[in-house]
């Protein structure tokens, strides 16, 4: 198993960042058929072979994704896609 973790600072404030995280989750759910749920300031998502979370703070967002054995070789690509999404949604 591989874990990809990325923390990104933002100046949006917590509520705006949560809205952007939801937009990312909506796209993720549609693209990967993932189930997404909120608990307080943390959005968790899950699908076969992938478990992850987006923790939204006042000035930062932390994304953590655990990849199953079959997806472990794609960890670099997954990290790159997460970074692109964070750049897009937290700009």
N, C-alpha and C. Protein backbone atom coordinates (compact mmCIF):
# COMPACT_ATOMS: atom_id res chain seq x y z
N UNK A 1 0.83 -1.19 0.00
CA UNK A 1 0.00 0.00 0.00
C UNK A 1 0.87 1.25 0.00
N UNK A 2 0.41 2.25 -0.69
CA UNK A 2 1.10 3.53 -0.73
C UNK A 2 0.17 4.61 -0.19
N UNK A 3 0.76 5.61 0.45
CA UNK A 3 -0.01 6.74 0.94
C UNK A 3 0.54 8.01 0.31
N UNK A 4 -0.35 8.82 -0.22
CA UNK A 4 0.00 10.12 -0.79
C UNK A 4 -0.58 11.17 0.14
N UNK A 5 0.27 12.08 0.62
CA UNK A 5 -0.19 13.15 1.50
C UNK A 5 0.32 14.49 0.98
N UNK A 6 -0.59 15.45 0.91
CA UNK A 6 -0.23 16.78 0.43
C UNK A 6 -0.96 17.80 1.30
N UNK A 7 -0.23 18.80 1.77
CA UNK A 7 -0.83 19.90 2.51
C UNK A 7 -0.60 21.17 1.71
N UNK A 8 -1.66 21.92 1.53
CA UNK A 8 -1.57 23.15 0.73
C UNK A 8 -2.18 24.29 1.52
N UNK A 9 -1.46 25.41 1.60
CA UNK A 9 -1.98 26.60 2.27
C UNK A 9 -2.92 27.33 1.33
N UNK A 10 -3.88 28.06 1.92
CA UNK A 10 -4.81 28.85 1.13
C UNK A 10 -5.19 30.10 1.91
N UNK A 11 -5.78 31.05 1.22
CA UNK A 11 -6.23 32.30 1.86
C UNK A 11 -7.73 32.48 1.67
N UNK A 12 -8.46 31.38 1.53
CA UNK A 12 -9.89 31.44 1.23
C UNK A 12 -10.77 31.53 2.46
N UNK A 13 -10.25 31.13 3.61
CA UNK A 13 -11.09 30.96 4.78
C UNK A 13 -11.68 29.55 4.76
N UNK A 14 -12.08 29.08 5.92
CA UNK A 14 -12.52 27.68 6.03
C UNK A 14 -13.77 27.38 5.20
N UNK A 15 -14.78 28.24 5.26
CA UNK A 15 -16.04 27.94 4.57
C UNK A 15 -15.86 27.90 3.05
N UNK A 16 -15.13 28.86 2.50
CA UNK A 16 -14.88 28.87 1.05
C UNK A 16 -14.04 27.67 0.65
N UNK A 17 -13.07 27.31 1.48
CA UNK A 17 -12.23 26.15 1.18
C UNK A 17 -13.06 24.86 1.22
N UNK A 18 -14.03 24.79 2.14
CA UNK A 18 -14.91 23.61 2.20
C UNK A 18 -15.75 23.52 0.94
N UNK A 19 -16.22 24.65 0.43
CA UNK A 19 -17.00 24.66 -0.81
C UNK A 19 -16.15 24.15 -1.97
N UNK A 20 -14.89 24.58 -2.02
CA UNK A 20 -13.99 24.13 -3.08
C UNK A 20 -13.67 22.65 -2.93
N UNK A 21 -13.50 22.20 -1.69
CA UNK A 21 -13.25 20.77 -1.46
C UNK A 21 -14.45 19.95 -1.92
N UNK A 22 -15.65 20.47 -1.71
CA UNK A 22 -16.84 19.76 -2.18
C UNK A 22 -16.87 19.68 -3.70
N UNK A 23 -16.44 20.74 -4.37
CA UNK A 23 -16.36 20.72 -5.83
C UNK A 23 -15.39 19.64 -6.30
N UNK A 24 -14.23 19.55 -5.62
CA UNK A 24 -13.27 18.50 -5.95
C UNK A 24 -13.89 17.13 -5.73
N UNK A 25 -14.61 16.98 -4.63
CA UNK A 25 -15.22 15.69 -4.29
C UNK A 25 -16.30 15.32 -5.31
N UNK A 26 -17.07 16.29 -5.75
CA UNK A 26 -18.10 16.01 -6.75
C UNK A 26 -17.47 15.48 -8.03
N UNK A 27 -16.37 16.09 -8.43
CA UNK A 27 -15.68 15.63 -9.64
C UNK A 27 -15.09 14.24 -9.42
N UNK A 28 -14.51 14.03 -8.25
CA UNK A 28 -13.94 12.72 -7.91
C UNK A 28 -15.02 11.65 -7.92
N UNK A 29 -16.14 11.95 -7.31
CA UNK A 29 -17.23 10.98 -7.23
C UNK A 29 -17.73 10.61 -8.62
N UNK A 30 -17.84 11.59 -9.49
CA UNK A 30 -18.31 11.32 -10.85
C UNK A 30 -17.29 10.55 -11.66
N UNK A 31 -16.04 10.90 -11.52
CA UNK A 31 -14.97 10.29 -12.33
C UNK A 31 -14.62 8.88 -11.85
N UNK A 32 -14.58 8.68 -10.54
CA UNK A 32 -14.10 7.41 -9.99
C UNK A 32 -15.19 6.59 -9.29
N UNK A 33 -16.42 7.07 -9.32
CA UNK A 33 -17.51 6.40 -8.62
C UNK A 33 -17.17 6.20 -7.15
N UNK A 34 -16.66 7.26 -6.53
CA UNK A 34 -16.28 7.22 -5.12
C UNK A 34 -17.44 7.72 -4.26
N UNK A 35 -17.53 7.21 -3.06
CA UNK A 35 -18.52 7.68 -2.08
C UNK A 35 -17.84 8.72 -1.19
N UNK A 36 -18.46 9.88 -1.07
CA UNK A 36 -17.89 10.99 -0.30
C UNK A 36 -18.85 11.40 0.82
N UNK A 37 -18.29 11.62 2.01
CA UNK A 37 -19.10 12.07 3.15
C UNK A 37 -18.32 13.08 3.97
N UNK A 38 -19.03 14.05 4.54
CA UNK A 38 -18.45 15.05 5.42
C UNK A 38 -18.69 14.67 6.87
N UNK A 39 -17.69 14.92 7.70
CA UNK A 39 -17.84 14.88 9.15
C UNK A 39 -17.06 16.07 9.68
N UNK A 40 -17.78 17.07 10.14
CA UNK A 40 -17.19 18.33 10.57
C UNK A 40 -16.41 18.95 9.42
N UNK A 41 -15.09 19.10 9.56
CA UNK A 41 -14.27 19.74 8.53
C UNK A 41 -13.49 18.73 7.69
N UNK A 42 -13.88 17.48 7.76
CA UNK A 42 -13.15 16.44 7.02
C UNK A 42 -14.08 15.72 6.05
N UNK A 43 -13.68 15.71 4.81
CA UNK A 43 -14.39 14.99 3.76
C UNK A 43 -13.66 13.68 3.52
N UNK A 44 -14.35 12.56 3.65
CA UNK A 44 -13.72 11.27 3.39
C UNK A 44 -14.31 10.72 2.10
N UNK A 45 -13.47 10.00 1.37
CA UNK A 45 -13.94 9.37 0.14
C UNK A 45 -13.39 7.96 0.07
N UNK A 46 -14.15 7.12 -0.61
CA UNK A 46 -13.78 5.71 -0.65
C UNK A 46 -14.32 5.07 -1.93
N UNK A 47 -13.53 4.18 -2.46
CA UNK A 47 -13.93 3.31 -3.55
C UNK A 47 -12.99 2.12 -3.51
N UNK A 48 -13.24 1.14 -4.28
CA UNK A 48 -12.40 -0.06 -4.25
C UNK A 48 -10.95 0.31 -4.53
N UNK A 49 -10.05 0.00 -3.61
CA UNK A 49 -8.63 0.25 -3.78
C UNK A 49 -8.14 1.62 -3.36
N UNK A 50 -9.06 2.51 -2.94
CA UNK A 50 -8.67 3.87 -2.58
C UNK A 50 -9.49 4.34 -1.38
N UNK A 51 -8.80 4.83 -0.35
CA UNK A 51 -9.43 5.50 0.78
C UNK A 51 -8.71 6.81 0.98
N UNK A 52 -9.46 7.87 1.26
CA UNK A 52 -8.79 9.13 1.46
C UNK A 52 -9.62 10.13 2.22
N UNK A 53 -8.98 11.26 2.49
CA UNK A 53 -9.67 12.34 3.19
C UNK A 53 -9.11 13.68 2.78
N UNK A 54 -9.95 14.70 2.91
CA UNK A 54 -9.56 16.09 2.71
C UNK A 54 -9.93 16.81 4.00
N UNK A 55 -8.93 17.25 4.74
CA UNK A 55 -9.15 17.97 5.99
C UNK A 55 -8.98 19.47 5.71
N UNK A 56 -10.05 20.22 5.94
CA UNK A 56 -10.05 21.65 5.62
C UNK A 56 -9.85 22.46 6.89
N UNK A 57 -8.83 23.31 6.87
CA UNK A 57 -8.57 24.22 7.97
C UNK A 57 -8.77 25.66 7.53
N UNK A 58 -8.62 26.57 8.45
CA UNK A 58 -8.81 27.99 8.16
C UNK A 58 -7.85 28.48 7.08
N UNK A 59 -6.62 27.96 7.08
CA UNK A 59 -5.62 28.44 6.12
C UNK A 59 -4.85 27.33 5.41
N UNK A 60 -5.33 26.08 5.53
CA UNK A 60 -4.67 24.98 4.82
C UNK A 60 -5.66 23.84 4.55
N UNK A 61 -5.29 23.04 3.59
CA UNK A 61 -6.05 21.84 3.23
C UNK A 61 -5.06 20.70 3.18
N UNK A 62 -5.42 19.58 3.82
CA UNK A 62 -4.56 18.40 3.81
C UNK A 62 -5.30 17.26 3.13
N UNK A 63 -4.68 16.71 2.10
CA UNK A 63 -5.25 15.58 1.38
C UNK A 63 -4.39 14.36 1.67
N UNK A 64 -5.03 13.27 2.07
CA UNK A 64 -4.34 12.01 2.33
C UNK A 64 -5.09 10.91 1.57
N UNK A 65 -4.35 10.14 0.79
CA UNK A 65 -4.96 9.07 -0.01
C UNK A 65 -4.16 7.79 0.20
N UNK A 66 -4.85 6.73 0.58
CA UNK A 66 -4.23 5.42 0.71
C UNK A 66 -4.63 4.59 -0.50
N UNK A 67 -3.62 4.10 -1.20
CA UNK A 67 -3.84 3.32 -2.41
C UNK A 67 -3.65 1.84 -2.10
N UNK A 68 -4.54 1.03 -2.60
CA UNK A 68 -4.40 -0.42 -2.46
C UNK A 68 -3.23 -0.93 -3.28
N UNK A 69 -2.93 -2.19 -3.11
CA UNK A 69 -1.77 -2.79 -3.76
C UNK A 69 -1.80 -2.63 -5.29
N UNK A 70 -2.95 -2.78 -5.89
CA UNK A 70 -3.05 -2.69 -7.34
C UNK A 70 -2.77 -1.28 -7.86
N UNK A 71 -3.06 -0.27 -7.06
CA UNK A 71 -2.88 1.12 -7.48
C UNK A 71 -1.57 1.74 -6.99
N UNK A 72 -0.84 1.04 -6.15
CA UNK A 72 0.42 1.56 -5.61
C UNK A 72 1.39 2.03 -6.70
N UNK A 73 1.54 1.32 -7.82
CA UNK A 73 2.46 1.80 -8.85
C UNK A 73 2.05 3.15 -9.46
N UNK A 74 0.81 3.57 -9.24
CA UNK A 74 0.33 4.83 -9.81
C UNK A 74 0.42 5.98 -8.81
N UNK A 75 1.11 5.80 -7.70
CA UNK A 75 1.17 6.82 -6.64
C UNK A 75 1.69 8.15 -7.16
N UNK A 76 2.70 8.14 -8.01
CA UNK A 76 3.25 9.39 -8.55
C UNK A 76 2.23 10.13 -9.39
N UNK A 77 1.50 9.40 -10.21
CA UNK A 77 0.48 10.02 -11.05
C UNK A 77 -0.66 10.57 -10.19
N UNK A 78 -1.06 9.81 -9.17
CA UNK A 78 -2.13 10.25 -8.27
C UNK A 78 -1.71 11.54 -7.57
N UNK A 79 -0.48 11.59 -7.09
CA UNK A 79 0.02 12.81 -6.42
C UNK A 79 -0.02 14.00 -7.37
N UNK A 80 0.41 13.81 -8.60
CA UNK A 80 0.38 14.89 -9.59
C UNK A 80 -1.03 15.38 -9.86
N UNK A 81 -2.00 14.47 -9.96
CA UNK A 81 -3.38 14.85 -10.20
C UNK A 81 -3.97 15.61 -9.01
N UNK A 82 -3.62 15.19 -7.81
CA UNK A 82 -4.10 15.90 -6.61
C UNK A 82 -3.52 17.31 -6.58
N UNK A 83 -2.24 17.44 -6.88
CA UNK A 83 -1.61 18.76 -6.89
C UNK A 83 -2.25 19.67 -7.93
N UNK A 84 -2.56 19.14 -9.10
CA UNK A 84 -3.24 19.94 -10.13
C UNK A 84 -4.61 20.38 -9.65
N UNK A 85 -5.35 19.47 -9.03
CA UNK A 85 -6.68 19.81 -8.53
C UNK A 85 -6.60 20.88 -7.45
N UNK A 86 -5.64 20.74 -6.54
CA UNK A 86 -5.48 21.75 -5.48
C UNK A 86 -5.12 23.10 -6.07
N UNK A 87 -4.24 23.11 -7.06
CA UNK A 87 -3.89 24.37 -7.71
C UNK A 87 -5.11 25.02 -8.35
N UNK A 88 -5.96 24.21 -8.96
CA UNK A 88 -7.15 24.73 -9.63
C UNK A 88 -8.19 25.24 -8.63
N UNK A 89 -8.50 24.44 -7.63
CA UNK A 89 -9.61 24.78 -6.74
C UNK A 89 -9.25 25.71 -5.59
N UNK A 90 -7.97 25.79 -5.24
CA UNK A 90 -7.59 26.68 -4.13
C UNK A 90 -6.95 27.98 -4.59
N UNK A 91 -6.94 28.22 -5.88
CA UNK A 91 -6.34 29.45 -6.43
C UNK A 91 -7.13 30.68 -6.05
